[in-house]
Each structure stands twice: as structure tokens, then as C-alpha cells.
């Protein structure tokens, strides 16, 4: 059940990033086409470029943090599985946890 929620959380994050990218593109394009409203001829174009740059940075940071959280979860799960496999081996393998160096 836990894997179900993690899988769907990843899918929802993917969809949110795609929708966000489309929204940023449309908002930048709309700002370019509507003009500056008295601020000059190039103000709308500059505002649209600013929206694209700011929106792209926002999506990269927020999406990166979301994927970082999922990556931490996956790495923690793999580490726990590896520790369980080592514990299942028992005392067959030499222990290096004592910190003593034997020559």
C-alpha cells in the first residue's frame, strides 16, 4: 500500500510540473501580446521574458525539491533493505564495525 502512494505521488508531481510549465508559457505569451499598457512598446515583451525566466526557475527549484524528497525516501528504503540483508547473513561475514585494525 505504501508503494502505491509513493508511485502516485511521483505521478502527481510529474503532472503538476507539466501543468506549471504550460501555465508559465501561456502567461509569458499573454504578457508579450498584451503590451505594456502605457509603459512603452517593449515593456510587454520584457515582462513576458521575465515571466518565462522566473517561472522556469520556480519550477526547477520546486520540482527539484519534490524529486529530492522522493529520492531520499527511495535511498532510505534501499539502505534499510541492505542492512536487513547484512543482518540476515549473521556472523558469517567478518565484522568491521568494531573499529579495531587487525594485522
Protein backbone atom coordinates (compact mmCIF):
# COMPACT_ATOMS: atom_id res chain seq x y z
CA UNK A 1 0.00 0.00 0.00
CA UNK A 2 2.89 2.35 0.80
CA UNK A 3 4.39 1.81 -2.65
CA UNK A 4 1.04 2.69 -4.21
CA UNK A 5 1.02 6.10 -2.54
CA UNK A 6 4.66 6.84 -3.37
CA UNK A 7 4.12 5.86 -7.02
CA UNK A 8 1.04 8.06 -7.35
CA UNK A 9 2.74 10.95 -5.53
CA UNK A 10 5.50 10.81 -8.13
CA UNK A 11 2.93 10.80 -10.94
CA UNK A 12 1.07 13.75 -9.41
CA UNK A 13 4.34 15.69 -9.14
CA UNK A 14 5.07 14.94 -12.81
CA UNK A 15 1.63 16.21 -13.83
CA UNK A 16 1.96 19.33 -11.65
CA UNK A 17 5.33 20.19 -13.23
CA UNK A 18 3.92 19.78 -16.74
CA UNK A 19 0.83 21.89 -15.96
CA UNK A 20 3.06 24.52 -14.34
CA UNK A 21 5.30 24.67 -17.41
CA UNK A 22 2.30 25.13 -19.70
CA UNK A 23 0.88 27.83 -17.41
CA UNK A 24 4.19 29.72 -17.33
CA UNK A 25 4.45 29.55 -21.12
CA UNK A 26 0.88 30.84 -21.61
CA UNK A 27 1.33 33.61 -19.00
CA UNK A 28 4.55 34.80 -20.64
CA UNK A 29 2.99 34.74 -24.08
CA UNK A 30 -0.08 36.64 -22.84
CA UNK A 31 2.14 39.30 -21.26
CA UNK A 32 4.04 39.67 -24.54
CA UNK A 33 0.88 40.02 -26.62
CA UNK A 34 -0.99 42.45 -24.38
CA UNK A 35 1.80 45.04 -24.33
CA UNK A 36 2.97 47.23 -21.52
CA UNK A 37 -0.20 49.32 -21.02
CA UNK A 38 1.48 52.71 -21.27
CA UNK A 39 4.92 51.66 -20.09
CA UNK A 40 6.39 51.65 -23.58
CA UNK A 41 6.41 49.41 -26.61
CA UNK A 42 8.90 46.83 -25.33
CA UNK A 43 7.56 46.55 -21.80
CA UNK A 44 5.17 43.69 -22.59
CA UNK A 45 7.89 41.69 -24.31
CA UNK A 46 10.31 42.22 -21.41
CA UNK A 47 7.59 41.30 -18.92
CA UNK A 48 6.87 38.09 -20.84
CA UNK A 49 10.56 37.13 -20.87
CA UNK A 50 10.70 37.85 -17.13
CA UNK A 51 7.70 35.62 -16.52
CA UNK A 52 9.32 32.81 -18.52
CA UNK A 53 12.64 33.09 -16.67
CA UNK A 54 11.05 33.44 -13.23
CA UNK A 55 8.57 30.65 -13.87
CA UNK A 56 11.26 28.32 -15.15
CA UNK A 57 13.43 28.97 -12.09
CA UNK A 58 10.44 28.41 -9.81
CA UNK A 59 9.56 25.11 -11.49
CA UNK A 60 13.16 23.89 -11.34
CA UNK A 61 13.50 24.70 -7.64
CA UNK A 62 10.11 23.37 -6.51
CA UNK A 63 10.26 20.32 -8.78
CA UNK A 64 13.82 19.62 -7.69
CA UNK A 65 12.84 19.74 -4.03
CA UNK A 66 9.91 17.40 -4.64
CA UNK A 67 12.08 14.91 -6.51
CA UNK A 68 14.78 15.27 -3.85
CA UNK A 69 12.26 14.21 -1.21
CA UNK A 70 11.26 11.17 -3.25
CA UNK A 71 14.92 10.32 -3.83
CA UNK A 72 15.66 10.48 -0.11
CA UNK A 73 12.75 8.11 0.53
CA UNK A 74 13.99 5.65 -2.11
CA UNK A 75 17.58 5.76 -0.83
CA UNK A 76 16.44 5.23 2.76
CA UNK A 77 14.37 2.23 1.68
CA UNK A 78 17.32 0.70 -0.21
CA UNK A 79 19.63 1.27 2.77
CA UNK A 80 17.16 -0.40 5.13
CA UNK A 81 16.90 -3.39 2.79
CA UNK A 82 20.69 -3.66 2.56
CA UNK A 83 21.06 -3.56 6.35
CA UNK A 84 18.41 -6.27 6.70
CA UNK A 85 20.27 -8.47 4.19
CA UNK A 86 23.52 -7.98 6.11
CA UNK A 87 21.80 -8.81 9.39
CA UNK A 88 20.32 -11.95 7.84
CA UNK A 89 23.80 -13.17 6.92
CA UNK A 90 24.55 -13.41 10.61
CA UNK A 91 28.12 -13.81 11.83
CA UNK A 92 29.36 -15.41 8.63
CA UNK A 93 30.91 -12.16 7.42
CA UNK A 94 33.72 -10.52 9.39
CA UNK A 95 32.60 -7.51 11.39
CA UNK A 96 34.21 -4.18 10.62
CA UNK A 97 32.01 -2.22 12.99
CA UNK A 98 34.36 -2.61 15.98
CA UNK A 99 36.88 -0.14 14.57
CA UNK A 100 39.83 -2.37 15.54
CA UNK A 101 42.51 -2.95 12.97
CA UNK A 102 43.85 -6.49 12.91
CA UNK A 103 47.12 -7.32 11.22
